[in-house]
C-alpha atoms as a PDB file:
ATOM      1  CA  MET A   1       0.169 -34.120  41.760  1.00  0.00           C
ATOM      2  CA  THR A   2       1.519 -36.963  39.592  1.00  0.00           C
ATOM      3  CA  LYS A   3      -1.251 -39.268  38.434  1.00  0.00           C
ATOM      4  CA  ARG A   4      -1.144 -42.691  40.091  1.00  0.00           C
ATOM      5  CA  ALA A   5      -3.121 -45.862  39.481  1.00  0.00           C
ATOM      6  CA  GLY A   6      -3.882 -46.249  43.205  1.00  0.00           C
ATOM      7  CA  ILE A   7      -4.394 -43.798  46.019  1.00  0.00           C
ATOM      8  CA  ARG A   8      -2.018 -42.659  48.734  1.00  0.00           C
ATOM      9  CA  VAL A   9      -2.915 -41.875  52.318  1.00  0.00           C
ATOM     10  CA  ALA A  10      -0.618 -40.184  54.801  1.00  0.00           C
ATOM     11  CA  ALA A  11      -1.026 -41.289  58.412  1.00  0.00           C
ATOM     12  CA  ALA A  12       0.258 -40.178  61.806  1.00  0.00           C
ATOM     13  CA  GLY A  13      -0.717 -40.379  65.439  1.00  0.00           C
ATOM     14  CA  ASP A  14       0.305 -38.829  68.735  1.00  0.00           C
ATOM     15  CA  ILE A  15       1.184 -35.449  67.247  1.00  0.00           C
ATOM     16  CA  HIS A  16       0.553 -33.733  70.612  1.00  0.00           C
ATOM     17  CA  CYS A  17       0.157 -30.239  69.194  1.00  0.00           C
ATOM     18  CA  SER A  18       1.002 -27.162  71.255  1.00  0.00           C
ATOM     19  CA  GLU A  19       2.360 -23.699  70.601  1.00  0.00           C
ATOM     20  CA  GLU A  20       5.863 -25.110  71.059  1.00  0.00           C
ATOM     21  CA  ASN A  21       5.626 -27.316  67.954  1.00  0.00           C
ATOM     22  CA  ARG A  22       3.388 -25.067  65.839  1.00  0.00           C
ATOM     23  CA  ALA A  23       6.009 -24.381  63.150  1.00  0.00           C
ATOM     24  CA  ALA A  24       7.038 -28.035  62.869  1.00  0.00           C
ATOM     25  CA  VAL A  25       3.419 -29.201  62.568  1.00  0.00           C
ATOM     26  CA  ALA A  26       2.617 -26.637  59.879  1.00  0.00           C
ATOM     27  CA  SER A  27       5.707 -27.585  57.893  1.00  0.00           C
ATOM     28  CA  ALA A  28       5.034 -31.337  58.097  1.00  0.00           C
ATOM     29  CA  PHE A  29       1.430 -31.042  56.917  1.00  0.00           C
ATOM     30  CA  ALA A  30       2.274 -28.660  54.081  1.00  0.00           C
ATOM     31  CA  GLU A  31       4.982 -31.006  52.862  1.00  0.00           C
ATOM     32  CA  VAL A  32       2.995 -34.242  52.966  1.00  0.00           C
ATOM     33  CA  ALA A  33      -0.141 -32.788  51.364  1.00  0.00           C
ATOM     34  CA  GLY A  34       1.579 -32.569  47.990  1.00  0.00           C
ATOM     35  CA  GLY A  35       2.089 -36.326  47.776  1.00  0.00           C
ATOM     36  CA  ALA A  36      -1.066 -37.775  49.310  1.00  0.00           C
ATOM     37  CA  ASP A  37      -4.757 -38.039  48.476  1.00  0.00           C
ATOM     38  CA  ALA A  38      -5.861 -37.892  52.114  1.00  0.00           C
ATOM     39  CA  ILE A  39      -4.428 -37.505  55.617  1.00  0.00           C
ATOM     40  CA  LEU A  40      -5.570 -39.797  58.434  1.00  0.00           C
ATOM     41  CA  LEU A  41      -4.726 -38.974  62.061  1.00  0.00           C
ATOM     42  CA  ALA A  42      -4.822 -41.614  64.799  1.00  0.00           C
ATOM     43  CA  GLY A  43      -5.607 -39.435  67.815  1.00  0.00           C
ATOM     44  CA  ASP A  44      -3.674 -37.621  70.547  1.00  0.00           C
ATOM     45  CA  LEU A  45      -3.765 -34.528  68.404  1.00  0.00           C
ATOM     46  CA  THR A  46      -3.198 -32.262  71.398  1.00  0.00           C
ATOM     47  CA  THR A  47      -0.926 -32.320  74.414  1.00  0.00           C
ATOM     48  CA  TYR A  48      -3.555 -32.006  77.137  1.00  0.00           C
ATOM     49  CA  GLY A  49      -6.859 -31.643  75.287  1.00  0.00           C
ATOM     50  CA  GLU A  50      -7.014 -27.836  75.327  1.00  0.00           C
ATOM     51  CA  PRO A  51      -8.872 -26.157  72.432  1.00  0.00           C
ATOM     52  CA  GLU A  52      -5.949 -23.740  71.999  1.00  0.00           C
ATOM     53  CA  GLN A  53      -3.725 -26.724  71.238  1.00  0.00           C
ATOM     54  CA  ALA A  54      -6.253 -27.988  68.710  1.00  0.00           C
ATOM     55  CA  GLU A  55      -5.959 -24.608  66.975  1.00  0.00           C
ATOM     56  CA  VAL A  56      -2.380 -25.492  66.067  1.00  0.00           C
ATOM     57  CA  LEU A  57      -3.567 -28.491  64.061  1.00  0.00           C
ATOM     58  CA  ALA A  58      -6.549 -26.598  62.665  1.00  0.00           C
ATOM     59  CA  ASP A  59      -4.275 -23.854  61.349  1.00  0.00           C
ATOM     60  CA  ALA A  60      -1.984 -26.442  59.723  1.00  0.00           C
ATOM     61  CA  CYS A  61      -4.908 -28.082  57.897  1.00  0.00           C
ATOM     62  CA  ARG A  62      -7.186 -25.160  57.102  1.00  0.00           C
ATOM     63  CA  ASP A  63      -5.899 -24.458  53.589  1.00  0.00           C
ATOM     64  CA  LEU A  64      -5.023 -28.005  52.532  1.00  0.00           C
ATOM     65  CA  GLN A  65      -6.610 -29.226  49.312  1.00  0.00           C
ATOM     66  CA  ILE A  66      -6.981 -32.842  50.438  1.00  0.00           C
ATOM     67  CA  PRO A  67      -9.307 -34.299  53.100  1.00  0.00           C
ATOM     68  CA  VAL A  68      -8.101 -34.731  56.677  1.00  0.00           C
ATOM     69  CA  VAL A  69      -9.852 -37.314  58.853  1.00  0.00           C
ATOM     70  CA  THR A  70      -9.127 -37.961  62.509  1.00  0.00           C
ATOM     71  CA  VAL A  71     -10.223 -39.656  65.700  1.00  0.00           C
ATOM     72  CA  LEU A  72      -9.572 -38.357  69.188  1.00  0.00           C
ATOM     73  CA  GLY A  73      -7.156 -39.913  71.654  1.00  0.00           C
ATOM     74  CA  ASN A  74      -6.979 -40.055  75.432  1.00  0.00           C
ATOM     75  CA  HIS A  75      -4.904 -36.839  75.561  1.00  0.00           C
ATOM     76  CA  ASP A  76      -7.633 -35.055  73.619  1.00  0.00           C
ATOM     77  CA  TRP A  77     -10.093 -35.969  76.371  1.00  0.00           C
ATOM     78  CA  HIS A  78      -7.805 -35.077  79.286  1.00  0.00           C
ATOM     79  CA  ALA A  79      -9.144 -31.555  79.927  1.00  0.00           C
ATOM     80  CA  ASN A  80     -12.746 -32.765  79.495  1.00  0.00           C
ATOM     81  CA  ARG A  81     -13.176 -30.240  76.671  1.00  0.00           C
ATOM     82  CA  ALA A  82     -13.494 -32.717  73.811  1.00  0.00           C
ATOM     83  CA  GLU A  83     -16.540 -30.996  72.331  1.00  0.00           C
ATOM     84  CA  GLU A  84     -14.587 -27.742  72.072  1.00  0.00           C
ATOM     85  CA  VAL A  85     -11.627 -29.551  70.540  1.00  0.00           C
ATOM     86  CA  VAL A  86     -13.921 -31.121  67.922  1.00  0.00           C
ATOM     87  CA  ALA A  87     -15.482 -27.735  67.161  1.00  0.00           C
ATOM     88  CA  VAL A  88     -12.055 -26.185  66.548  1.00  0.00           C
ATOM     89  CA  LEU A  89     -10.993 -29.008  64.256  1.00  0.00           C
ATOM     90  CA  SER A  90     -14.286 -29.061  62.369  1.00  0.00           C
ATOM     91  CA  SER A  91     -14.029 -25.320  61.722  1.00  0.00           C
ATOM     92  CA  ALA A  92     -10.885 -26.053  59.696  1.00  0.00           C
ATOM     93  CA  GLY A  93     -12.620 -28.741  57.625  1.00  0.00           C
ATOM     94  CA  ILE A  94     -11.154 -31.691  59.534  1.00  0.00           C
ATOM     95  CA  VAL A  95     -13.559 -34.639  59.732  1.00  0.00           C
ATOM     96  CA  VAL A  96     -13.627 -35.988  63.294  1.00  0.00           C
ATOM     97  CA  LEU A  97     -14.952 -39.534  63.572  1.00  0.00           C
ATOM     98  CA  ASP A  98     -16.357 -40.690  66.899  1.00  0.00           C
ATOM     99  CA  ARG A  99     -17.979 -44.077  66.425  1.00  0.00           C
ATOM    100  CA  GLY A 100     -18.654 -43.019  62.869  1.00  0.00           C
ATOM    101  CA  TRP A 101     -17.615 -43.347  59.259  1.00  0.00           C
ATOM    102  CA  THR A 102     -17.114 -41.235  56.163  1.00  0.00           C
ATOM    103  CA  VAL A 103     -16.529 -41.815  52.452  1.00  0.00           C
ATOM    104  CA  LEU A 104     -13.766 -39.823  50.795  1.00  0.00           C
ATOM    105  CA  ASP A 105     -13.771 -39.060  47.095  1.00  0.00           C
ATOM    106  CA  CYS A 106     -10.161 -39.620  46.069  1.00  0.00           C
ATOM    107  CA  GLY A 107     -10.308 -39.117  42.323  1.00  0.00           C
ATOM    108  CA  GLU A 108     -12.131 -42.120  40.903  1.00  0.00           C
ATOM    109  CA  THR A 109     -11.829 -44.125  44.127  1.00  0.00           C
ATOM    110  CA  ALA A 110     -14.279 -44.031  47.036  1.00  0.00           C
ATOM    111  CA  VAL A 111     -12.412 -44.574  50.303  1.00  0.00           C
ATOM    112  CA  GLY A 112     -14.513 -45.630  53.278  1.00  0.00           C
ATOM    113  CA  VAL A 113     -12.939 -44.631  56.582  1.00  0.00           C
ATOM    114  CA  VAL A 114     -14.394 -46.060  59.787  1.00  0.00           C
ATOM    115  CA  GLY A 115     -13.130 -44.332  62.891  1.00  0.00           C
ATOM    116  CA  THR A 116     -13.413 -44.263  66.651  1.00  0.00           C
ATOM    117  CA  LYS A 117     -11.087 -43.760  69.598  1.00  0.00           C
ATOM    118  CA  GLY A 118     -11.185 -47.331  70.843  1.00  0.00           C
ATOM    119  CA  PHE A 119     -10.569 -48.113  74.482  1.00  0.00           C
ATOM    120  CA  VAL A 120      -8.791 -50.373  76.961  1.00  0.00           C
ATOM    121  CA  GLY A 121      -9.418 -53.995  77.848  1.00  0.00           C
ATOM    122  CA  GLY A 122      -6.297 -55.991  77.115  1.00  0.00           C
ATOM    123  CA  PHE A 123      -5.269 -58.975  75.074  1.00  0.00           C
ATOM    124  CA  PRO A 124      -5.015 -62.716  75.708  1.00  0.00           C
ATOM    125  CA  ASP A 125      -3.640 -63.371  79.227  1.00  0.00           C
ATOM    126  CA  SER A 126      -4.531 -59.828  80.344  1.00  0.00           C
ATOM    127  CA  THR A 127      -8.173 -59.363  79.383  1.00  0.00           C
ATOM    128  CA  LEU A 128     -10.778 -57.435  81.333  1.00  0.00           C
ATOM    129  CA  THR A 129     -14.033 -59.390  81.590  1.00  0.00           C
ATOM    130  CA  ASP A 130     -17.642 -58.369  82.086  1.00  0.00           C
ATOM    131  CA  PHE A 131     -17.673 -59.267  85.763  1.00  0.00           C
ATOM    132  CA  GLY A 132     -17.343 -57.662  89.155  1.00  0.00           C
ATOM    133  CA  GLU A 133     -17.802 -54.114  90.331  1.00  0.00           C
ATOM    134  CA  PRO A 134     -20.067 -51.843  88.267  1.00  0.00           C
ATOM    135  CA  ILE A 135     -17.201 -49.462  87.501  1.00  0.00           C
ATOM    136  CA  LEU A 136     -15.177 -52.277  85.911  1.00  0.00           C
ATOM    137  CA  ARG A 137     -18.201 -53.517  83.999  1.00  0.00           C
ATOM    138  CA  ALA A 138     -18.696 -49.951  82.739  1.00  0.00           C
ATOM    139  CA  VAL A 139     -15.174 -50.041  81.300  1.00  0.00           C
ATOM    140  CA  TYR A 140     -15.987 -53.314  79.561  1.00  0.00           C
ATOM    141  CA  ALA A 141     -19.215 -51.817  78.213  1.00  0.00           C
ATOM    142  CA  GLU A 142     -17.349 -48.789  76.839  1.00  0.00           C
ATOM    143  CA  THR A 143     -15.066 -51.033  74.805  1.00  0.00           C
ATOM    144  CA  THR A 144     -18.107 -53.003  73.661  1.00  0.00           C
ATOM    145  CA  ASP A 145     -19.672 -49.801  72.337  1.00  0.00           C
ATOM    146  CA  GLU A 146     -16.467 -48.939  70.480  1.00  0.00           C
ATOM    147  CA  ALA A 147     -16.227 -52.376  68.882  1.00  0.00           C
ATOM    148  CA  GLU A 148     -19.893 -52.331  67.887  1.00  0.00           C
ATOM    149  CA  ALA A 149     -19.384 -48.919  66.269  1.00  0.00           C
ATOM    150  CA  LEU A 150     -16.607 -50.396  64.143  1.00  0.00           C
ATOM    151  CA  GLU A 151     -18.943 -53.200  63.137  1.00  0.00           C
ATOM    152  CA  ARG A 152     -21.658 -50.765  62.060  1.00  0.00           C
ATOM    153  CA  GLY A 153     -19.208 -48.557  60.200  1.00  0.00           C
ATOM    154  CA  LEU A 154     -17.632 -51.431  58.288  1.00  0.00           C
ATOM    155  CA  GLU A 155     -21.085 -52.598  57.267  1.00  0.00           C
ATOM    156  CA  ALA A 156     -21.883 -49.074  56.053  1.00  0.00           C
ATOM    157  CA  VAL A 157     -18.779 -48.814  53.834  1.00  0.00           C
ATOM    158  CA  ALA A 158     -18.830 -52.423  52.635  1.00  0.00           C
ATOM    159  CA  ASP A 159     -19.281 -51.384  49.000  1.00  0.00           C
ATOM    160  CA  CYS A 160     -16.309 -48.997  48.950  1.00  0.00           C
ATOM    161  CA  PRO A 161     -13.371 -50.295  46.906  1.00  0.00           C
ATOM    162  CA  VAL A 162     -10.986 -49.119  49.660  1.00  0.00           C
ATOM    163  CA  ARG A 163     -11.850 -49.508  53.350  1.00  0.00           C
ATOM    164  CA  ILE A 164      -9.714 -48.239  56.230  1.00  0.00           C
ATOM    165  CA  VAL A 165     -10.161 -48.486  60.014  1.00  0.00           C
ATOM    166  CA  LEU A 166      -8.796 -45.565  62.029  1.00  0.00           C
ATOM    167  CA  LEU A 167      -8.294 -45.918  65.797  1.00  0.00           C
ATOM    168  CA  HIS A 168      -6.257 -44.496  68.646  1.00  0.00           C
ATOM    169  CA  TYR A 169      -6.087 -47.582  70.864  1.00  0.00           C
ATOM    170  CA  ALA A 170      -4.514 -50.770  69.508  1.00  0.00           C
ATOM    171  CA  PRO A 171      -6.691 -53.644  68.213  1.00  0.00           C
ATOM    172  CA  THR A 172      -3.865 -56.214  68.357  1.00  0.00           C
ATOM    173  CA  SER A 173      -0.958 -56.949  70.677  1.00  0.00           C
ATOM    174  CA  LEU A 174       1.454 -57.286  67.738  1.00  0.00           C
ATOM    175  CA  THR A 175       1.813 -53.515  67.378  1.00  0.00           C
ATOM    176  CA  ILE A 176       2.290 -52.804  71.089  1.00  0.00           C
ATOM    177  CA  GLU A 177       5.204 -55.200  71.487  1.00  0.00           C
ATOM    178  CA  GLY A 178       8.061 -53.186  72.953  1.00  0.00           C
ATOM    179  CA  GLU A 179       5.869 -51.641  75.619  1.00  0.00           C
ATOM    180  CA  SER A 180       6.029 -52.988  79.170  1.00  0.00           C
ATOM    181  CA  PRO A 181       3.641 -55.981  79.409  1.00  0.00           C
ATOM    182  CA  GLY A 182       2.278 -54.478  82.619  1.00  0.00           C
ATOM    183  CA  ILE A 183       0.551 -51.676  80.695  1.00  0.00           C
ATOM    184  CA  TRP A 184      -0.748 -53.712  77.748  1.00  0.00           C
ATOM    185  CA  PRO A 185      -4.334 -53.796  79.120  1.00  0.00           C
ATOM    186  CA  PHE A 186      -4.334 -49.977  78.953  1.00  0.00           C
ATOM    187  CA  LEU A 187      -3.070 -49.778  75.374  1.00  0.00           C
ATOM    188  CA  GLY A 188      -6.048 -51.342  73.648  1.00  0.00           C
ATOM    189  CA  SER A 189      -8.128 -54.480  73.302  1.00  0.00           C
ATOM    190  CA  ASP A 190      -8.268 -57.384  70.891  1.00  0.00           C
ATOM    191  CA  ARG A 191     -12.058 -56.981  71.006  1.00  0.00           C
ATOM    192  CA  LEU A 192     -11.515 -54.021  68.663  1.00  0.00           C
ATOM    193  CA  GLY A 193     -10.001 -56.455  66.194  1.00  0.00           C
ATOM    194  CA  ARG A 194     -13.017 -58.723  65.928  1.00  0.00           C
ATOM    195  CA  PRO A 195     -14.880 -56.536  63.390  1.00  0.00           C
ATOM    196  CA  VAL A 196     -11.640 -56.442  61.390  1.00  0.00           C
ATOM    197  CA  VAL A 197     -11.551 -60.239  61.277  1.00  0.00           C
ATOM    198  CA  GLU A 198     -15.135 -60.365  60.067  1.00  0.00           C
ATOM    199  CA  HIS A 199     -15.123 -57.523  57.528  1.00  0.00           C
ATOM    200  CA  ARG A 200     -11.481 -57.538  56.391  1.00  0.00           C
ATOM    201  CA  PRO A 201     -10.815 -53.886  55.580  1.00  0.00           C
ATOM    202  CA  HIS A 202      -7.716 -53.127  53.576  1.00  0.00           C
ATOM    203  CA  LEU A 203      -5.817 -51.237  56.264  1.00  0.00           C
ATOM    204  CA  VAL A 204      -5.974 -50.546  60.024  1.00  0.00           C
ATOM    205  CA  LEU A 205      -4.185 -47.583  61.622  1.00  0.00           C
ATOM    206  CA  HIS A 206      -3.725 -46.706  65.292  1.00  0.00           C
ATOM    207  CA  GLY A 207      -1.384 -44.882  67.667  1.00  0.00           C
ATOM    208  CA  HIS A 208      -1.147 -44.627  71.479  1.00  0.00           C
ATOM    209  CA  ALA A 209       1.639 -47.199  72.023  1.00  0.00           C
ATOM    210  CA  HIS A 210       4.645 -44.866  71.829  1.00  0.00           C
ATOM    211  CA  ALA A 211       7.187 -47.650  72.352  1.00  0.00           C
ATOM    212  CA  GLY A 212       5.326 -50.251  70.313  1.00  0.00           C
ATOM    213  CA  THR A 213       5.952 -51.932  66.967  1.00  0.00           C
ATOM    214  CA  TYR A 214       5.290 -50.348  63.595  1.00  0.00           C
ATOM    215  CA  GLU A 215       3.699 -53.218  61.684  1.00  0.00           C
ATOM    216  CA  GLY A 216       1.446 -56.145  62.515  1.00  0.00           C
ATOM    217  CA  PHE A 217      -1.527 -58.034  61.122  1.00  0.00           C
ATOM    218  CA  ILE A 218      -4.993 -59.159  62.088  1.00  0.00           C
ATOM    219  CA  GLY A 219      -5.341 -62.204  59.904  1.00  0.00           C
ATOM    220  CA  ALA A 220      -4.351 -60.937  56.454  1.00  0.00           C
ATOM    221  CA  VAL A 221      -5.204 -57.304  57.241  1.00  0.00           C
ATOM    222  CA  PRO A 222      -2.158 -55.052  57.763  1.00  0.00           C
ATOM    223  CA  VAL A 223      -2.154 -53.013  60.973  1.00  0.00           C
ATOM    224  CA  TYR A 224       0.221 -50.086  61.491  1.00  0.00           C
ATOM    225  CA  ASN A 225       1.071 -48.238  64.691  1.00  0.00           C
ATOM    226  CA  VAL A 226       1.630 -44.745  63.282  1.00  0.00           C
ATOM    227  CA  SER A 227       2.617 -43.073  66.546  1.00  0.00           C
ATOM    228  CA  LEU A 228       5.293 -40.501  65.712  1.00  0.00           C
ATOM    229  CA  SER A 229       7.732 -41.977  68.202  1.00  0.00           C
ATOM    230  CA  VAL A 230       7.383 -45.423  66.661  1.00  0.00           C
ATOM    231  CA  MET A 231       7.738 -44.220  63.059  1.00  0.00           C
ATOM    232  CA  GLY A 232      10.606 -41.806  63.656  1.00  0.00           C
ATOM    233  CA  ARG A 233       9.191 -39.469  61.012  1.00  0.00           C
ATOM    234  CA  ASP A 234       6.249 -37.119  60.511  1.00  0.00           C
ATOM    235  CA  PHE A 235       4.030 -39.397  58.402  1.00  0.00           C
ATOM    236  CA  ALA A 236       3.707 -42.885  57.038  1.00  0.00           C
ATOM    237  CA  ILE A 237       2.567 -43.138  53.416  1.00  0.00           C
ATOM    238  CA  PHE A 238       0.477 -46.056  52.193  1.00  0.00           C
ATOM    239  CA  GLU A 239      -0.436 -46.772  48.599  1.00  0.00           C
ATOM    240  CA  LEU A 240      -3.636 -48.771  48.080  1.00  0.00           C
ATOM    241  CA  GLU A 241      -4.385 -50.354  44.737  1.00  0.00           C
ATOM    242  CA  ASP A 242      -6.410 -53.392  43.640  1.00  0.00           C
ATOM    243  CA  GLY A 243      -6.935 -54.679  47.176  1.00  0.00           C
ATOM    244  CA  ALA A 244      -3.284 -54.386  48.113  1.00  0.00           C
ATOM    245  CA  VAL A 245      -1.504 -52.087  50.558  1.00  0.00           C
ATOM    246  CA  ARG A 246       2.063 -50.958  50.016  1.00  0.00           C
ATOM    247  CA  ASP A 247       4.071 -49.005  52.564  1.00  0.00           C
ATOM    248  CA  VAL A 248       5.920 -46.371  50.541  1.00  0.00           C
ATOM    249  CA  SER A 249       7.081 -44.308  53.502  1.00  0.00           C
ATOM    250  CA  PRO A 250      10.537 -42.763  53.267  1.00  0.00           C
ATOM    251  CA  ARG A 251      13.165 -43.845  55.787  1.00  0.00           C
ATOM    252  CA  SER A 252      10.878 -46.386  57.425  1.00  0.00           C
ATOM    253  CA  ARG A 253      12.057 -47.784  60.734  1.00  0.00           C
ATOM    254  CA  ALA A 254      10.307 -50.961  59.717  1.00  0.00           C
ATOM    255  CA  GLY A 255      12.867 -51.281  56.901  1.00  0.00           C
ATOM    256  CA  GLU A 256      13.280 -49.920  53.426  1.00  0.00           C
ATOM    257  CA  THR A 257      11.721 -52.986  51.817  1.00  0.00           C
ATOM    258  CA  GLN A 258       8.267 -52.143  50.568  1.00  0.00           C
ATOM    259  CA  ARG A 259       5.845 -54.788  51.773  1.00  0.00           C
ATOM    260  CA  ARG A 260       2.744 -55.903  49.982  1.00  0.00           C
ATOM    261  CA  LYS A 261      -0.081 -57.881  51.568  1.00  0.00           C
ATOM    262  CA  GLU A 262      -3.113 -58.913  49.549  1.00  0.00           C
ATOM    263  CA  VAL A 263      -6.482 -58.889  51.316  1.00  0.00           C
ATOM    264  CA  GLN A 264      -8.591 -61.548  49.642  1.00  0.00           C
END
């Protein structure tokens, strides 16, 4: 790999692995691994949450020489076999974050990745509140637990020179624009963005909103919806150096201009 001053991470979400796309998944991961220092996956790794579908991703990652970190998505929970899915992925060396964090050694740079699935709850004008029937309050509490996990993780990696948040559900409405407003409450919650405002990581990645928008911000922090259908390609590539994030993805739907946003 050509030596670079910064590090490069490849990111994708909503891969929806199955036997039908096994060859395409294997090819995409083999190709991107040669030009990245790490791969980050924003959930919905499988089609219906079956361990056999997780094997497709595990086989694509098993022999890679760079770290692969992921969170689960709602599809990965669909069959209620999430523990088996995690076991399959972990057997291939994939780090699965569930309200957790990890520090990657990317050459001379420590990269702190804080990851969790996230959950629903909505955005201004469509926000679920902590009121009413117990089942609705349980939904609110679930999102609270996810947001608090992000808070703890960002505190844990505060000393890392590069800090990334990895989610499935969206933490801002800016990257779900394009979806029907009627389903916005089910695509994420701005409560997930509050730890981002406080701790200001360098980059936030998520998926889930298949018809959403590629790029947004929470304050000065860049947020990218890396769902495959939004990107129109297998991976996005981000270069992080000296507190700045640069999108160096080929054939970006967001435009060929490489954007740079400094996080003070």
